Structures are given as C-alpha cells and as structure tokens.
Amino acid sequence: MKSALDPRHLKRILVFKSLFAGSFTDQPDHPSRVDKINSHLTQIDEIIQKCAPEWPISQINRVDLAVLRQAVYELLFKAQTPTKVIIDEAVEIAKRYGGKTSSSFVNGALAAAIGYSGREETTDDQKKP
C-alpha cells in the first residue's frame, strides 16, 4: 500500500499541479517531466480524445485533463511503472483535486487508454512471469 508521503506520489502531485497551472499561464519553474509531457502533447491528447469522444479536449475540466495527460504519458513512456499503479495514482489525484465525477471519469478514460498505449491490463488474479 502506498503512503501519502511516498516520494513518487508527491512527485506526481507536483507534476499534476504544474500541468494544471500551466493550462492557465506559462510556468517558468516546473518539474522536467512537464516538458516531456508537453513535447508529446499531440499524441497524448489524441489518445484522450479517443477515450472520451463525447468530450472535446477544450471542454474537459482542466483538473481532469492534467491528471489524464500525466497518466497517459506514463502509460506510453514509463514502461517500468505498472499499469495498475498509474491508474490508481491518477484516480487518487482526481479524487483529491477534482470534482464529484472526476475520479470515475479519469478511471474510465484510462481504462480505455490502456488499449491505445500498447500495454496489457493486469489484474491481481494474473500471475506475472
């Protein structure tokens, strides 16, 4: 079980906050991962759009969008991080900072994003080789 003080969890929150703030104004000081996410923004947003076709990117709540962008980036480019961890962390951040439906929206969109990321979904019942 993760701790609220886990450095990886705290780093994700810092990146989320920077992405969120950056959606309003340029942020001169931000974690390096924000630059990495922004450099792949077109690819990330295409996946988000496929996963939530009824919501154009411009209409997605900015908190939810920041959470989704970070999580989709991790699904695509952080192969060493387990899929379940990425989704769980994103849902937790959405619960903490988003609205009433943010966590379920993020969870549903990321469940669909797994297929577009080239990853396989793992469950607790599956044995890892």
Protein backbone atom coordinates (compact mmCIF):
# COMPACT_ATOMS: atom_id res chain seq x y z
CA MET A 1 0.00 0.00 0.00
CA LYS A 2 1.30 3.43 -0.91
CA SER A 3 1.88 6.14 1.59
CA ALA A 4 0.71 9.74 1.17
CA LEU A 5 4.35 10.69 1.77
CA ASP A 6 5.76 8.34 -0.87
CA PRO A 7 8.19 10.45 -2.94
CA ARG A 8 6.77 9.07 -6.22
CA HIS A 9 3.25 10.06 -5.16
CA LEU A 10 4.43 13.53 -4.14
CA LYS A 11 6.26 13.93 -7.47
CA ARG A 12 3.08 13.03 -9.37
CA ILE A 13 1.15 15.65 -7.39
CA LEU A 14 3.83 18.26 -8.15
CA VAL A 15 3.71 17.41 -11.88
CA PHE A 16 -0.11 17.48 -11.83
CA LYS A 17 -0.14 20.91 -10.16
CA SER A 18 2.36 22.25 -12.69
CA LEU A 19 0.34 20.90 -15.63
CA PHE A 20 -2.83 22.37 -14.15
CA ALA A 21 -1.25 25.78 -13.52
CA GLY A 22 0.32 25.69 -16.97
CA SER A 23 -3.13 25.40 -18.52
CA PHE A 24 -3.76 28.97 -17.33
CA THR A 25 -0.38 30.66 -17.71
CA ASP A 26 3.21 29.80 -18.57
CA GLN A 27 5.07 28.31 -15.62
CA PRO A 28 8.79 29.18 -15.70
CA ASP A 29 9.67 26.79 -12.86
CA HIS A 30 8.29 23.29 -13.23
CA PRO A 31 9.43 19.66 -13.00
CA SER A 32 11.30 18.34 -16.04
CA ARG A 33 8.53 15.79 -16.61
CA VAL A 34 6.19 18.64 -17.57
CA ASP A 35 8.44 19.43 -20.55
CA LYS A 36 8.44 15.74 -21.51
CA ILE A 37 4.64 15.60 -21.32
CA ASN A 38 4.30 18.83 -23.31
CA SER A 39 6.63 17.52 -26.02
CA HIS A 40 4.22 14.60 -26.58
CA LEU A 41 1.02 16.57 -26.06
CA THR A 42 -0.42 15.95 -29.53
CA GLN A 43 -0.06 12.17 -29.16
CA ILE A 44 -1.38 12.23 -25.58
CA ASP A 45 -4.38 14.40 -26.46
CA GLU A 46 -5.25 12.15 -29.43
CA ILE A 47 -5.48 9.19 -27.06
CA ILE A 48 -7.55 11.16 -24.55
CA GLN A 49 -9.89 12.22 -27.34
CA LYS A 50 -10.34 8.59 -28.45
CA CYS A 51 -11.07 7.55 -24.87
CA ALA A 52 -13.60 10.31 -24.23
CA PRO A 53 -15.03 11.14 -27.67
CA GLU A 54 -18.07 12.91 -26.23
CA TRP A 55 -15.77 15.47 -24.57
CA PRO A 56 -13.57 17.64 -26.81
CA ILE A 57 -10.24 18.43 -25.14
CA SER A 58 -11.28 22.07 -24.76
CA GLN A 59 -14.34 21.02 -22.72
CA ILE A 60 -12.65 18.60 -20.32
CA ASN A 61 -12.28 20.00 -16.81
CA ARG A 62 -8.69 21.28 -16.50
CA VAL A 63 -8.05 19.23 -13.36
CA ASP A 64 -9.19 16.06 -15.12
CA LEU A 65 -7.20 16.95 -18.22
CA ALA A 66 -3.99 17.50 -16.24
CA VAL A 67 -4.47 14.15 -14.47
CA LEU A 68 -5.19 12.38 -17.76
CA ARG A 69 -2.24 13.91 -19.57
CA GLN A 70 0.17 12.82 -16.87
CA ALA A 71 -1.26 9.31 -16.67
CA VAL A 72 -1.38 8.77 -20.45
CA TYR A 73 2.23 9.97 -20.65
CA GLU A 74 3.18 7.38 -18.05
CA LEU A 75 1.24 4.65 -19.87
CA LEU A 76 3.10 5.47 -23.08
CA PHE A 77 6.61 6.21 -21.87
CA LYS A 78 7.10 4.77 -18.38
CA ALA A 79 7.06 1.05 -19.14
CA GLN A 80 8.67 0.18 -15.80
CA THR A 81 5.68 1.60 -13.90
CA PRO A 82 2.87 -0.94 -13.54
CA THR A 83 -0.39 -0.01 -15.27
CA LYS A 84 -2.37 -0.52 -12.07
CA VAL A 85 -0.14 1.94 -10.20
CA ILE A 86 -0.55 4.61 -12.89
CA ILE A 87 -4.33 4.31 -12.87
CA ASP A 88 -4.61 4.11 -9.07
CA GLU A 89 -2.43 7.21 -8.64
CA ALA A 90 -4.40 9.16 -11.26
CA VAL A 91 -7.72 8.24 -9.65
CA GLU A 92 -6.42 9.27 -6.22
CA ILE A 93 -5.25 12.66 -7.52
CA ALA A 94 -8.59 13.15 -9.29
CA LYS A 95 -10.45 12.34 -6.05
CA ARG A 96 -8.35 14.80 -4.10
CA TYR A 97 -8.32 17.74 -6.50
CA GLY A 98 -11.22 17.16 -8.91
CA GLY A 99 -14.98 17.34 -8.77
CA LYS A 100 -17.54 14.72 -7.76
CA THR A 101 -17.28 12.76 -11.01
CA SER A 102 -13.59 13.32 -11.73
CA SER A 103 -12.34 10.03 -10.34
CA SER A 104 -14.84 7.93 -12.28
CA PHE A 105 -14.24 9.92 -15.49
CA VAL A 106 -10.46 9.53 -15.15
CA ASN A 107 -10.78 5.84 -14.31
CA GLY A 108 -12.99 5.16 -17.34
CA ALA A 109 -10.85 7.17 -19.74
CA LEU A 110 -7.65 5.49 -18.55
CA ALA A 111 -9.21 2.03 -18.78
CA ALA A 112 -9.84 2.79 -22.46
CA ALA A 113 -6.39 4.36 -22.88
CA ILE A 114 -4.67 1.12 -21.95
CA GLY A 115 -5.62 -0.29 -25.35
CA TYR A 116 -4.14 2.71 -27.17
CA SER A 117 -0.92 2.68 -25.15
CA GLY A 118 0.20 -0.77 -26.24
CA ARG A 119 0.10 -2.07 -22.67
CA GLU A 120 -1.78 -5.03 -21.39
CA GLU A 121 -4.09 -4.61 -18.44
CA THR A 122 -3.01 -6.73 -15.49
CA THR A 123 -5.21 -7.80 -12.66
CA ASP A 124 -4.35 -9.19 -9.27
CA ASP A 125 -5.54 -12.61 -10.48
CA GLN A 126 -2.97 -12.77 -13.28
CA LYS A 127 0.42 -14.21 -12.47
CA LYS A 128 3.41 -12.29 -13.71
CA PRO A 129 6.08 -14.41 -15.45
